[in-house]
């Protein structure tokens, strides 16, 4: 499904793949996030055929004008998990809302592991 909005210029449609790619890019730029990890076999398998690997480990669903995001990440060893996940949520929420103009309803951060 994709986000649709209407304004004076016409109808604007943003696909879920674009939102997932942007969320993945924003997540990798966040301090403490080492890498984004595929969330299952299907994500790993489809990642082989994608040109853009930024949406790997990001699951996006939309309902109306709301965005729901799941992020699967590894964080840097020695950093507080709650601080990194809070910073990650704030960074991704701000970036997505600024880019799409839609409301990010929830961001769930799944910490898969830690890395040195």
PDB file of N, CA and C in Angstrom:
ATOM      1  N   UNK A   1       0.838  -1.174   0.000  1.00  0.00           N
ATOM      2  CA  UNK A   1       0.000   0.000   0.000  1.00  0.00           C
ATOM      3  C   UNK A   1       0.888   1.245   0.000  1.00  0.00           C
ATOM      4  N   UNK A   2       0.367   2.335  -0.439  1.00  0.00           N
ATOM      5  CA  UNK A   2       1.144   3.564  -0.536  1.00  0.00           C
ATOM      6  C   UNK A   2       0.386   4.712   0.118  1.00  0.00           C
ATOM      7  N   UNK A   3       1.122   5.728   0.488  1.00  0.00           N
ATOM      8  CA  UNK A   3       0.520   6.930   1.060  1.00  0.00           C
ATOM      9  C   UNK A   3       0.037   7.832  -0.062  1.00  0.00           C
ATOM     10  N   UNK A   4      -1.150   8.367   0.098  1.00  0.00           N
ATOM     11  CA  UNK A   4      -1.698   9.305  -0.885  1.00  0.00           C
ATOM     12  C   UNK A   4      -2.152  10.553  -0.159  1.00  0.00           C
ATOM     13  N   UNK A   5      -1.849  11.684  -0.768  1.00  0.00           N
ATOM     14  CA  UNK A   5      -2.320  12.953  -0.242  1.00  0.00           C
ATOM     15  C   UNK A   5      -2.681  13.852  -1.413  1.00  0.00           C
ATOM     16  N   UNK A   6      -3.573  14.755  -1.161  1.00  0.00           N
ATOM     17  CA  UNK A   6      -4.030  15.662  -2.206  1.00  0.00           C
ATOM     18  C   UNK A   6      -3.794  17.095  -1.732  1.00  0.00           C
ATOM     19  N   UNK A   7      -3.273  17.913  -2.633  1.00  0.00           N
ATOM     20  CA  UNK A   7      -3.091  19.335  -2.349  1.00  0.00           C
ATOM     21  C   UNK A   7      -3.420  20.128  -3.608  1.00  0.00           C
ATOM     22  N   UNK A   8      -3.056  21.403  -3.646  1.00  0.00           N
ATOM     23  CA  UNK A   8      -3.402  22.256  -4.779  1.00  0.00           C
ATOM     24  C   UNK A   8      -2.688  21.847  -6.068  1.00  0.00           C
ATOM     25  N   UNK A   9      -1.594  21.078  -5.945  1.00  0.00           N
ATOM     26  CA  UNK A   9      -0.854  20.636  -7.125  1.00  0.00           C
ATOM     27  C   UNK A   9      -1.396  19.334  -7.705  1.00  0.00           C
ATOM     28  N   UNK A  10      -2.189  18.609  -6.937  1.00  0.00           N
ATOM     29  CA  UNK A  10      -2.737  17.334  -7.392  1.00  0.00           C
ATOM     30  C   UNK A  10      -2.562  16.268  -6.326  1.00  0.00           C
ATOM     31  N   UNK A  11      -2.506  15.025  -6.770  1.00  0.00           N
ATOM     32  CA  UNK A  11      -2.373  13.883  -5.869  1.00  0.00           C
ATOM     33  C   UNK A  11      -0.906  13.465  -5.811  1.00  0.00           C
ATOM     34  N   UNK A  12      -0.418  13.236  -4.596  1.00  0.00           N
ATOM     35  CA  UNK A  12       0.955  12.792  -4.394  1.00  0.00           C
ATOM     36  C   UNK A  12       0.904  11.398  -3.781  1.00  0.00           C
ATOM     37  N   UNK A  13       1.631  10.469  -4.383  1.00  0.00           N
ATOM     38  CA  UNK A  13       1.684   9.096  -3.896  1.00  0.00           C
ATOM     39  C   UNK A  13       3.114   8.745  -3.539  1.00  0.00           C
ATOM     40  N   UNK A  14       3.319   8.216  -2.335  1.00  0.00           N
ATOM     41  CA  UNK A  14       4.637   7.782  -1.881  1.00  0.00           C
ATOM     42  C   UNK A  14       4.544   6.303  -1.556  1.00  0.00           C
ATOM     43  N   UNK A  15       5.347   5.468  -2.220  1.00  0.00           N
ATOM     44  CA  UNK A  15       5.271   4.025  -2.007  1.00  0.00           C
ATOM     45  C   UNK A  15       5.943   3.629  -0.693  1.00  0.00           C
ATOM     46  N   UNK A  16       5.572   2.444  -0.205  1.00  0.00           N
ATOM     47  CA  UNK A  16       6.149   1.931   1.032  1.00  0.00           C
ATOM     48  C   UNK A  16       7.643   1.656   0.885  1.00  0.00           C
ATOM     49  N   UNK A  17       8.083   1.286  -0.310  1.00  0.00           N
ATOM     50  CA  UNK A  17       9.508   1.032  -0.529  1.00  0.00           C
ATOM     51  C   UNK A  17      10.344   2.300  -0.342  1.00  0.00           C
ATOM     52  N   UNK A  18       9.810   3.416  -0.778  1.00  0.00           N
ATOM     53  CA  UNK A  18      10.514   4.692  -0.603  1.00  0.00           C
ATOM     54  C   UNK A  18      10.594   5.053   0.874  1.00  0.00           C
ATOM     55  N   UNK A  19       9.491   4.840   1.593  1.00  0.00           N
ATOM     56  CA  UNK A  19       9.472   5.137   3.026  1.00  0.00           C
ATOM     57  C   UNK A  19      10.443   4.222   3.767  1.00  0.00           C
ATOM     58  N   UNK A  20      10.472   2.933   3.402  1.00  0.00           N
ATOM     59  CA  UNK A  20      11.386   1.986   4.042  1.00  0.00           C
ATOM     60  C   UNK A  20      12.840   2.341   3.747  1.00  0.00           C
ATOM     61  N   UNK A  21      13.121   2.744   2.526  1.00  0.00           N
ATOM     62  CA  UNK A  21      14.482   3.130   2.169  1.00  0.00           C
ATOM     63  C   UNK A  21      14.934   4.367   2.948  1.00  0.00           C
ATOM     64  N   UNK A  22      14.049   5.344   3.069  1.00  0.00           N
ATOM     65  CA  UNK A  22      14.374   6.547   3.833  1.00  0.00           C
ATOM     66  C   UNK A  22      14.564   6.220   5.314  1.00  0.00           C
ATOM     67  N   UNK A  23      13.692   5.386   5.872  1.00  0.00           N
ATOM     68  CA  UNK A  23      13.822   4.999   7.280  1.00  0.00           C
ATOM     69  C   UNK A  23      15.132   4.251   7.516  1.00  0.00           C
ATOM     70  N   UNK A  24      15.521   3.396   6.581  1.00  0.00           N
ATOM     71  CA  UNK A  24      16.787   2.678   6.703  1.00  0.00           C
ATOM     72  C   UNK A  24      17.981   3.612   6.637  1.00  0.00           C
ATOM     73  N   UNK A  25      17.911   4.589   5.749  1.00  0.00           N
ATOM     74  CA  UNK A  25      18.997   5.570   5.646  1.00  0.00           C
ATOM     75  C   UNK A  25      19.105   6.392   6.924  1.00  0.00           C
ATOM     76  N   UNK A  26      17.966   6.846   7.435  1.00  0.00           N
ATOM     77  CA  UNK A  26      17.975   7.627   8.675  1.00  0.00           C
ATOM     78  C   UNK A  26      18.487   6.804   9.851  1.00  0.00           C
ATOM     79  N   UNK A  27      18.132   5.519   9.886  1.00  0.00           N
ATOM     80  CA  UNK A  27      18.559   4.652  10.989  1.00  0.00           C
ATOM     81  C   UNK A  27      20.066   4.427  10.968  1.00  0.00           C
ATOM     82  N   UNK A  28      20.652   4.251   9.788  1.00  0.00           N
ATOM     83  CA  UNK A  28      22.097   4.022   9.723  1.00  0.00           C
ATOM     84  C   UNK A  28      22.889   5.263  10.090  1.00  0.00           C
ATOM     85  N   UNK A  29      22.292   6.437   9.948  1.00  0.00           N
ATOM     86  CA  UNK A  29      22.962   7.678  10.311  1.00  0.00           C
ATOM     87  C   UNK A  29      22.887   7.968  11.807  1.00  0.00           C
ATOM     88  N   UNK A  30      22.068   7.238  12.530  1.00  0.00           N
ATOM     89  CA  UNK A  30      21.867   7.480  13.961  1.00  0.00           C
ATOM     90  C   UNK A  30      23.050   6.930  14.761  1.00  0.00           C
ATOM     91  N   UNK A  31      23.503   7.692  15.748  1.00  0.00           N
ATOM     92  CA  UNK A  31      24.638   7.285  16.576  1.00  0.00           C
ATOM     93  C   UNK A  31      24.281   6.039  17.388  1.00  0.00           C
ATOM     94  N   UNK A  32      25.167   5.060  17.368  1.00  0.00           N
ATOM     95  CA  UNK A  32      24.981   3.845  18.145  1.00  0.00           C
ATOM     96  C   UNK A  32      24.456   2.680  17.325  1.00  0.00           C
ATOM     97  N   UNK A  33      23.888   2.944  16.165  1.00  0.00           N
ATOM     98  CA  UNK A  33      23.392   1.872  15.309  1.00  0.00           C
ATOM     99  C   UNK A  33      24.544   1.411  14.427  1.00  0.00           C
ATOM    100  N   UNK A  34      24.910   0.137  14.561  1.00  0.00           N
ATOM    101  CA  UNK A  34      26.017  -0.411  13.787  1.00  0.00           C
ATOM    102  C   UNK A  34      25.530  -0.885  12.424  1.00  0.00           C
ATOM    103  N   UNK A  35      24.427  -1.632  12.410  1.00  0.00           N
ATOM    104  CA  UNK A  35      23.887  -2.111  11.144  1.00  0.00           C
ATOM    105  C   UNK A  35      22.414  -2.436  11.297  1.00  0.00           C
ATOM    106  N   UNK A  36      21.756  -2.482  10.147  1.00  0.00           N
ATOM    107  CA  UNK A  36      20.359  -2.894  10.090  1.00  0.00           C
ATOM    108  C   UNK A  36      20.358  -4.340   9.618  1.00  0.00           C
ATOM    109  N   UNK A  37      19.607  -5.185  10.310  1.00  0.00           N
ATOM    110  CA  UNK A  37      19.653  -6.622  10.084  1.00  0.00           C
ATOM    111  C   UNK A  37      18.358  -7.078   9.420  1.00  0.00           C
ATOM    112  N   UNK A  38      18.430  -8.011   8.458  1.00  0.00           N
ATOM    113  CA  UNK A  38      17.195  -8.547   7.882  1.00  0.00           C
ATOM    114  C   UNK A  38      16.336  -9.199   8.963  1.00  0.00           C
ATOM    115  N   UNK A  39      15.019  -9.022   8.871  1.00  0.00           N
ATOM    116  CA  UNK A  39      14.143  -9.515   9.933  1.00  0.00           C
ATOM    117  C   UNK A  39      13.641 -10.918   9.703  1.00  0.00           C
ATOM    118  N   UNK A  40      13.984 -11.536   8.640  1.00  0.00           N
ATOM    119  CA  UNK A  40      13.552 -12.913   8.394  1.00  0.00           C
ATOM    120  C   UNK A  40      14.130 -13.436   7.106  1.00  0.00           C
ATOM    121  N   UNK A  41      13.804 -14.684   6.799  1.00  0.00           N
ATOM    122  CA  UNK A  41      14.322 -15.307   5.594  1.00  0.00           C
ATOM    123  C   UNK A  41      13.835 -14.593   4.339  1.00  0.00           C
ATOM    124  N   UNK A  42      12.582 -14.186   4.335  1.00  0.00           N
ATOM    125  CA  UNK A  42      12.040 -13.523   3.143  1.00  0.00           C
ATOM    126  C   UNK A  42      12.754 -12.196   2.887  1.00  0.00           C
ATOM    127  N   UNK A  43      13.093 -11.477   3.949  1.00  0.00           N
ATOM    128  CA  UNK A  43      13.825 -10.217   3.791  1.00  0.00           C
ATOM    129  C   UNK A  43      15.239 -10.481   3.280  1.00  0.00           C
ATOM    130  N   UNK A  44      15.885 -11.525   3.780  1.00  0.00           N
ATOM    131  CA  UNK A  44      17.232 -11.871   3.319  1.00  0.00           C
ATOM    132  C   UNK A  44      17.211 -12.293   1.860  1.00  0.00           C
ATOM    133  N   UNK A  45      16.201 -13.064   1.481  1.00  0.00           N
ATOM    134  CA  UNK A  45      16.102 -13.565   0.113  1.00  0.00           C
ATOM    135  C   UNK A  45      15.818 -12.440  -0.880  1.00  0.00           C
ATOM    136  N   UNK A  46      14.877 -11.563  -0.559  1.00  0.00           N
ATOM    137  CA  UNK A  46      14.550 -10.474  -1.471  1.00  0.00           C
ATOM    138  C   UNK A  46      15.660  -9.431  -1.517  1.00  0.00           C
ATOM    139  N   UNK A  47      16.479  -9.366  -0.464  1.00  0.00           N
ATOM    140  CA  UNK A  47      17.598  -8.426  -0.442  1.00  0.00           C
ATOM    141  C   UNK A  47      18.633  -8.753  -1.520  1.00  0.00           C
ATOM    142  N   UNK A  48      18.704 -10.016  -1.924  1.00  0.00           N
ATOM    143  CA  UNK A  48      19.641 -10.413  -2.967  1.00  0.00           C
ATOM    144  C   UNK A  48      19.316  -9.758  -4.306  1.00  0.00           C
ATOM    145  N   UNK A  49      18.030  -9.483  -4.547  1.00  0.00           N
ATOM    146  CA  UNK A  49      17.600  -8.965  -5.838  1.00  0.00           C
ATOM    147  C   UNK A  49      17.371  -7.465  -5.856  1.00  0.00           C
ATOM    148  N   UNK A  50      17.476  -6.816  -4.728  1.00  0.00           N
ATOM    149  CA  UNK A  50      17.264  -5.371  -4.671  1.00  0.00           C
ATOM    150  C   UNK A  50      18.553  -4.637  -4.986  1.00  0.00           C
ATOM    151  N   UNK A  51      18.428  -3.517  -5.649  1.00  0.00           N
ATOM    152  CA  UNK A  51      19.586  -2.661  -5.892  1.00  0.00           C
ATOM    153  C   UNK A  51      19.915  -1.841  -4.650  1.00  0.00           C
ATOM    154  N   UNK A  52      18.881  -1.426  -3.934  1.00  0.00           N
ATOM    155  CA  UNK A  52      19.063  -0.573  -2.764  1.00  0.00           C
ATOM    156  C   UNK A  52      18.901  -1.417  -1.509  1.00  0.00           C
ATOM    157  N   UNK A  53      19.964  -1.571  -0.731  1.00  0.00           N
ATOM    158  CA  UNK A  53      19.911  -2.379   0.471  1.00  0.00           C
ATOM    159  C   UNK A  53      19.495  -1.597   1.707  1.00  0.00           C
ATOM    160  N   UNK A  54      19.113  -0.327   1.553  1.00  0.00           N
ATOM    161  CA  UNK A  54      18.764   0.487   2.709  1.00  0.00           C
ATOM    162  C   UNK A  54      17.450   0.062   3.350  1.00  0.00           C
ATOM    163  N   UNK A  55      16.577  -0.588   2.607  1.00  0.00           N
ATOM    164  CA  UNK A  55      15.294  -0.983   3.183  1.00  0.00           C
ATOM    165  C   UNK A  55      15.379  -2.345   3.868  1.00  0.00           C
ATOM    166  N   UNK A  56      16.541  -2.958   3.861  1.00  0.00           N
ATOM    167  CA  UNK A  56      16.729  -4.236   4.531  1.00  0.00           C
ATOM    168  C   UNK A  56      16.577  -4.037   6.042  1.00  0.00           C
ATOM    169  N   UNK A  57      15.800  -4.884   6.674  1.00  0.00           N
ATOM    170  CA  UNK A  57      15.601  -4.770   8.109  1.00  0.00           C
ATOM    171  C   UNK A  57      14.608  -3.708   8.517  1.00  0.00           C
ATOM    172  N   UNK A  58      13.877  -3.176   7.554  1.00  0.00           N
ATOM    173  CA  UNK A  58      12.860  -2.159   7.838  1.00  0.00           C
ATOM    174  C   UNK A  58      11.527  -2.668   7.296  1.00  0.00           C
ATOM    175  N   UNK A  59      10.537  -2.721   8.149  1.00  0.00           N
ATOM    176  CA  UNK A  59       9.194  -3.119   7.727  1.00  0.00           C
ATOM    177  C   UNK A  59       8.276  -1.908   7.902  1.00  0.00           C
ATOM    178  N   UNK A  60       7.620  -1.518   6.830  1.00  0.00           N
ATOM    179  CA  UNK A  60       6.741  -0.351   6.838  1.00  0.00           C
ATOM    180  C   UNK A  60       5.350  -0.783   6.438  1.00  0.00           C
ATOM    181  N   UNK A  61       4.373  -0.306   7.188  1.00  0.00           N
ATOM    182  CA  UNK A  61       2.984  -0.488   6.774  1.00  0.00           C
ATOM    183  C   UNK A  61       2.275   0.854   6.954  1.00  0.00           C
ATOM    184  N   UNK A  62       1.331   1.090   6.083  1.00  0.00           N
ATOM    185  CA  UNK A  62       0.578   2.337   6.125  1.00  0.00           C
ATOM    186  C   UNK A  62      -0.903   2.027   6.198  1.00  0.00           C
ATOM    187  N   UNK A  63      -1.606   2.886   6.894  1.00  0.00           N
ATOM    188  CA  UNK A  63      -3.056   2.768   6.995  1.00  0.00           C
ATOM    189  C   UNK A  63      -3.607   4.185   6.984  1.00  0.00           C
ATOM    190  N   UNK A  64      -4.256   4.536   5.891  1.00  0.00           N
ATOM    191  CA  UNK A  64      -4.736   5.903   5.750  1.00  0.00           C
ATOM    192  C   UNK A  64      -3.555   6.839   5.599  1.00  0.00           C
ATOM    193  N   UNK A  65      -3.465   7.818   6.481  1.00  0.00           N
ATOM    194  CA  UNK A  65      -2.325   8.739   6.441  1.00  0.00           C
ATOM    195  C   UNK A  65      -1.368   8.482   7.597  1.00  0.00           C
ATOM    196  N   UNK A  66      -1.394   7.264   8.147  1.00  0.00           N
ATOM    197  CA  UNK A  66      -0.517   6.895   9.265  1.00  0.00           C
ATOM    198  C   UNK A  66       0.543   5.917   8.795  1.00  0.00           C
ATOM    199  N   UNK A  67       1.741   6.036   9.370  1.00  0.00           N
ATOM    200  CA  UNK A  67       2.862   5.172   9.030  1.00  0.00           C
ATOM    201  C   UNK A  67       3.254   4.375  10.270  1.00  0.00           C
ATOM    202  N   UNK A  68       3.462   3.076  10.093  1.00  0.00           N
ATOM    203  CA  UNK A  68       3.913   2.189  11.161  1.00  0.00           C
ATOM    204  C   UNK A  68       5.229   1.567  10.710  1.00  0.00           C
ATOM    205  N   UNK A  69       6.268   1.657  11.552  1.00  0.00           N
ATOM    206  CA  UNK A  69       7.616   1.219  11.168  1.00  0.00           C
ATOM    207  C   UNK A  69       8.151   0.244  12.203  1.00  0.00           C
ATOM    208  N   UNK A  70       8.785  -0.835  11.712  1.00  0.00           N
ATOM    209  CA  UNK A  70       9.547  -1.771  12.540  1.00  0.00           C
ATOM    210  C   UNK A  70      10.983  -1.751  12.055  1.00  0.00           C
ATOM    211  N   UNK A  71      11.927  -1.548  12.968  1.00  0.00           N
ATOM    212  CA  UNK A  71      13.353  -1.511  12.640  1.00  0.00           C
ATOM    213  C   UNK A  71      14.063  -2.638  13.372  1.00  0.00           C
ATOM    214  N   UNK A  72      14.881  -3.396  12.667  1.00  0.00           N
ATOM    215  CA  UNK A  72      15.667  -4.485  13.246  1.00  0.00           C
ATOM    216  C   UNK A  72      17.133  -4.079  13.146  1.00  0.00           C
ATOM    217  N   UNK A  73      17.777  -3.813  14.300  1.00  0.00           N
ATOM    218  CA  UNK A  73      19.125  -3.233  14.297  1.00  0.00           C
ATOM    219  C   UNK A  73      20.065  -3.961  15.249  1.00  0.00           C
ATOM    220  N   UNK A  74      21.357  -3.772  14.988  1.00  0.00           N
ATOM    221  CA  UNK A  74      22.415  -4.120  15.936  1.00  0.00           C
ATOM    222  C   UNK A  74      22.999  -2.806  16.411  1.00  0.00           C
ATOM    223  N   UNK A  75      23.274  -2.711  17.716  1.00  0.00           N
ATOM    224  CA  UNK A  75      23.812  -1.471  18.257  1.00  0.00           C
ATOM    225  C   UNK A  75      25.250  -1.684  18.734  1.00  0.00           C
ATOM    226  N   UNK A  76      25.925  -0.581  18.962  1.00  0.00           N
ATOM    227  CA  UNK A  76      27.314  -0.607  19.390  1.00  0.00           C
ATOM    228  C   UNK A  76      27.416  -1.072  20.839  1.00  0.00           C
ATOM    229  N   UNK A  77      28.372  -1.943  21.099  1.00  0.00           N
ATOM    230  CA  UNK A  77      28.591  -2.473  22.443  1.00  0.00           C
ATOM    231  C   UNK A  77      28.978  -1.357  23.402  1.00  0.00           C
ATOM    232  N   UNK A  78      28.392  -1.373  24.599  1.00  0.00           N
ATOM    233  CA  UNK A  78      28.735  -0.419  25.640  1.00  0.00           C
ATOM    234  C   UNK A  78      27.805   0.774  25.730  1.00  0.00           C
ATOM    235  N   UNK A  79      26.935   0.935  24.767  1.00  0.00           N
ATOM    236  CA  UNK A  79      25.982   2.047  24.805  1.00  0.00           C
ATOM    237  C   UNK A  79      24.662   1.584  25.414  1.00  0.00           C
ATOM    238  N   UNK A  80      23.978   2.469  26.123  1.00  0.00           N
ATOM    239  CA  UNK A  80      22.690   2.092  26.701  1.00  0.00           C
ATOM    240  C   UNK A  80      21.646   1.828  25.602  1.00  0.00           C
ATOM    241  N   UNK A  81      21.030   0.671  25.670  1.00  0.00           N
ATOM    242  CA  UNK A  81      20.063   0.271  24.651  1.00  0.00           C
ATOM    243  C   UNK A  81      18.884   1.235  24.616  1.00  0.00           C
ATOM    244  N   UNK A  82      18.416   1.649  25.773  1.00  0.00           N
ATOM    245  CA  UNK A  82      17.253   2.542  25.813  1.00  0.00           C
ATOM    246  C   UNK A  82      17.562   3.902  25.201  1.00  0.00           C
ATOM    247  N   UNK A  83      18.771   4.404  25.418  1.00  0.00           N
ATOM    248  CA  UNK A  83      19.142   5.714  24.854  1.00  0.00           C
ATOM    249  C   UNK A  83      19.285   5.641  23.335  1.00  0.00           C
ATOM    250  N   UNK A  84      19.897   4.578  22.840  1.00  0.00           N
ATOM    251  CA  UNK A  84      20.071   4.426  21.399  1.00  0.00           C
ATOM    252  C   UNK A  84      18.719   4.232  20.719  1.00  0.00           C
ATOM    253  N   UNK A  85      17.864   3.397  21.296  1.00  0.00           N
ATOM    254  CA  UNK A  85      16.558   3.160  20.672  1.00  0.00           C
ATOM    255  C   UNK A  85      15.681   4.406  20.724  1.00  0.00           C
ATOM    256  N   UNK A  86      15.756   5.173  21.796  1.00  0.00           N
ATOM    257  CA  UNK A  86      14.996   6.418  21.882  1.00  0.00           C
ATOM    258  C   UNK A  86      15.475   7.430  20.847  1.00  0.00           C
ATOM    259  N   UNK A  87      16.787   7.563  20.711  1.00  0.00           N
ATOM    260  CA  UNK A  87      17.355   8.468  19.713  1.00  0.00           C
ATOM    261  C   UNK A  87      16.986   8.014  18.303  1.00  0.00           C
ATOM    262  N   UNK A  88      17.017   6.719  18.079  1.00  0.00           N
ATOM    263  CA  UNK A  88      16.665   6.157  16.780  1.00  0.00           C
ATOM    264  C   UNK A  88      15.205   6.445  16.434  1.00  0.00           C
ATOM    265  N   UNK A  89      14.315   6.253  17.399  1.00  0.00           N
ATOM    266  CA  UNK A  89      12.891   6.537  17.174  1.00  0.00           C
ATOM    267  C   UNK A  89      12.668   8.003  16.831  1.00  0.00           C
ATOM    268  N   UNK A  90      13.287   8.884  17.600  1.00  0.00           N
ATOM    269  CA  UNK A  90      13.113  10.317  17.357  1.00  0.00           C
ATOM    270  C   UNK A  90      13.663  10.751  16.003  1.00  0.00           C
ATOM    271  N   UNK A  91      14.830  10.230  15.630  1.00  0.00           N
ATOM    272  CA  UNK A  91      15.451  10.592  14.359  1.00  0.00           C
ATOM    273  C   UNK A  91      14.610  10.130  13.178  1.00  0.00           C
ATOM    274  N   UNK A  92      14.169   8.875  13.212  1.00  0.00           N
ATOM    275  CA  UNK A  92      13.387   8.322  12.104  1.00  0.00           C
ATOM    276  C   UNK A  92      12.015   8.983  12.033  1.00  0.00           C
ATOM    277  N   UNK A  93      11.382   9.204  13.181  1.00  0.00           N
ATOM    278  CA  UNK A  93      10.061   9.844  13.197  1.00  0.00           C
ATOM    279  C   UNK A  93      10.129  11.253  12.610  1.00  0.00           C
ATOM    280  N   UNK A  94      11.105  12.033  13.038  1.00  0.00           N
ATOM    281  CA  UNK A  94      11.245  13.395  12.535  1.00  0.00           C
ATOM    282  C   UNK A  94      11.503  13.405  11.032  1.00  0.00           C
ATOM    283  N   UNK A  95      12.420  12.565  10.587  1.00  0.00           N
ATOM    284  CA  UNK A  95      12.771  12.532   9.172  1.00  0.00           C
ATOM    285  C   UNK A  95      11.618  12.093   8.288  1.00  0.00           C
ATOM    286  N   UNK A  96      10.890  11.064   8.704  1.00  0.00           N
ATOM    287  CA  UNK A  96       9.764  10.585   7.896  1.00  0.00           C
ATOM    288  C   UNK A  96       8.620  11.594   7.864  1.00  0.00           C
ATOM    289  N   UNK A  97       8.324  12.185   9.008  1.00  0.00           N
ATOM    290  CA  UNK A  97       7.237  13.179   9.031  1.00  0.00           C
ATOM    291  C   UNK A  97       7.602  14.407   8.210  1.00  0.00           C
ATOM    292  N   UNK A  98       8.849  14.790   8.235  1.00  0.00           N
ATOM    293  CA  UNK A  98       9.286  15.954   7.458  1.00  0.00           C
ATOM    294  C   UNK A  98       9.264  15.647   5.959  1.00  0.00           C
ATOM    295  N   UNK A  99       9.665  14.439   5.590  1.00  0.00           N
ATOM    296  CA  UNK A  99       9.724  14.072   4.182  1.00  0.00           C
ATOM    297  C   UNK A  99       8.335  13.833   3.585  1.00  0.00           C
ATOM    298  N   UNK A 100       7.498  13.082   4.293  1.00  0.00           N
ATOM    299  CA  UNK A 100       6.200  12.692   3.725  1.00  0.00           C
ATOM    300  C   UNK A 100       5.080  13.654   4.059  1.00  0.00           C
ATOM    301  N   UNK A 101       5.191  14.371   5.174  1.00  0.00           N
ATOM    302  CA  UNK A 101       4.098  15.222   5.614  1.00  0.00           C
ATOM    303  C   UNK A 101       2.988  14.439   6.286  1.00  0.00           C
ATOM    304  N   UNK A 102       3.194  13.154   6.497  1.00  0.00           N
ATOM    305  CA  UNK A 102       2.213  12.284   7.147  1.00  0.00           C
ATOM    306  C   UNK A 102       2.619  12.051   8.599  1.00  0.00           C
ATOM    307  N   UNK A 103       1.753  11.419   9.334  1.00  0.00           N
ATOM    308  CA  UNK A 103       1.984  11.169  10.752  1.00  0.00           C
ATOM    309  C   UNK A 103       2.572   9.773  10.942  1.00  0.00           C
ATOM    310  N   UNK A 104       3.694   9.692  11.662  1.00  0.00           N
ATOM    311  CA  UNK A 104       4.270   8.406  12.024  1.00  0.00           C
ATOM    312  C   UNK A 104       3.617   7.986  13.327  1.00  0.00           C
ATOM    313  N   UNK A 105       2.798   6.943  13.263  1.00  0.00           N
ATOM    314  CA  UNK A 105       2.030   6.511  14.420  1.00  0.00           C
ATOM    315  C   UNK A 105       2.892   5.756  15.419  1.00  0.00           C
ATOM    316  N   UNK A 106       3.702   4.820  14.931  1.00  0.00           N
ATOM    317  CA  UNK A 106       4.557   4.075  15.854  1.00  0.00           C
ATOM    318  C   UNK A 106       5.830   3.624  15.154  1.00  0.00           C
ATOM    319  N   UNK A 107       6.898   3.566  15.934  1.00  0.00           N
ATOM    320  CA  UNK A 107       8.175   3.007  15.490  1.00  0.00           C
ATOM    321  C   UNK A 107       8.600   2.007  16.558  1.00  0.00           C
ATOM    322  N   UNK A 108       8.724   0.757  16.151  1.00  0.00           N
ATOM    323  CA  UNK A 108       9.165  -0.294  17.060  1.00  0.00           C
ATOM    324  C   UNK A 108      10.597  -0.662  16.702  1.00  0.00           C
ATOM    325  N   UNK A 109      11.484  -0.571  17.691  1.00  0.00           N
ATOM    326  CA  UNK A 109      12.893  -0.902  17.487  1.00  0.00           C
ATOM    327  C   UNK A 109      13.143  -2.268  18.096  1.00  0.00           C
ATOM    328  N   UNK A 110      13.633  -3.192  17.263  1.00  0.00           N
ATOM    329  CA  UNK A 110      13.971  -4.539  17.703  1.00  0.00           C
ATOM    330  C   UNK A 110      15.483  -4.649  17.689  1.00  0.00           C
ATOM    331  N   UNK A 111      16.096  -4.714  18.870  1.00  0.00           N
ATOM    332  CA  UNK A 111      17.554  -4.838  18.965  1.00  0.00           C
ATOM    333  C   UNK A 111      17.886  -6.317  18.857  1.00  0.00           C
ATOM    334  N   UNK A 112      18.508  -6.676  17.742  1.00  0.00           N
ATOM    335  CA  UNK A 112      18.825  -8.072  17.445  1.00  0.00           C
ATOM    336  C   UNK A 112      20.119  -8.498  18.131  1.00  0.00           C
ATOM    337  N   UNK A 113      21.057  -7.546  18.300  1.00  0.00           N
ATOM    338  CA  UNK A 113      22.309  -7.877  18.929  1.00  0.00           C
ATOM    339  C   UNK A 113      23.162  -6.639  19.121  1.00  0.00           C
ATOM    340  N   UNK A 114      24.377  -6.881  19.647  1.00  0.00           N
ATOM    341  CA  UNK A 114      25.351  -5.808  19.828  1.00  0.00           C
ATOM    342  C   UNK A 114      26.625  -6.188  19.084  1.00  0.00           C
ATOM    343  N   UNK A 115      27.397  -5.183  18.731  1.00  0.00           N
ATOM    344  CA  UNK A 115      28.619  -5.405  17.966  1.00  0.00           C
ATOM    345  C   UNK A 115      29.699  -4.460  18.483  1.00  0.00           C
ATOM    346  N   UNK A 116      30.926  -4.927  18.462  1.00  0.00           N
ATOM    347  CA  UNK A 116      32.043  -4.099  18.906  1.00  0.00           C
ATOM    348  C   UNK A 116      32.358  -3.011  17.946  1.00  0.00           C
TER     349      UNK A 116
END
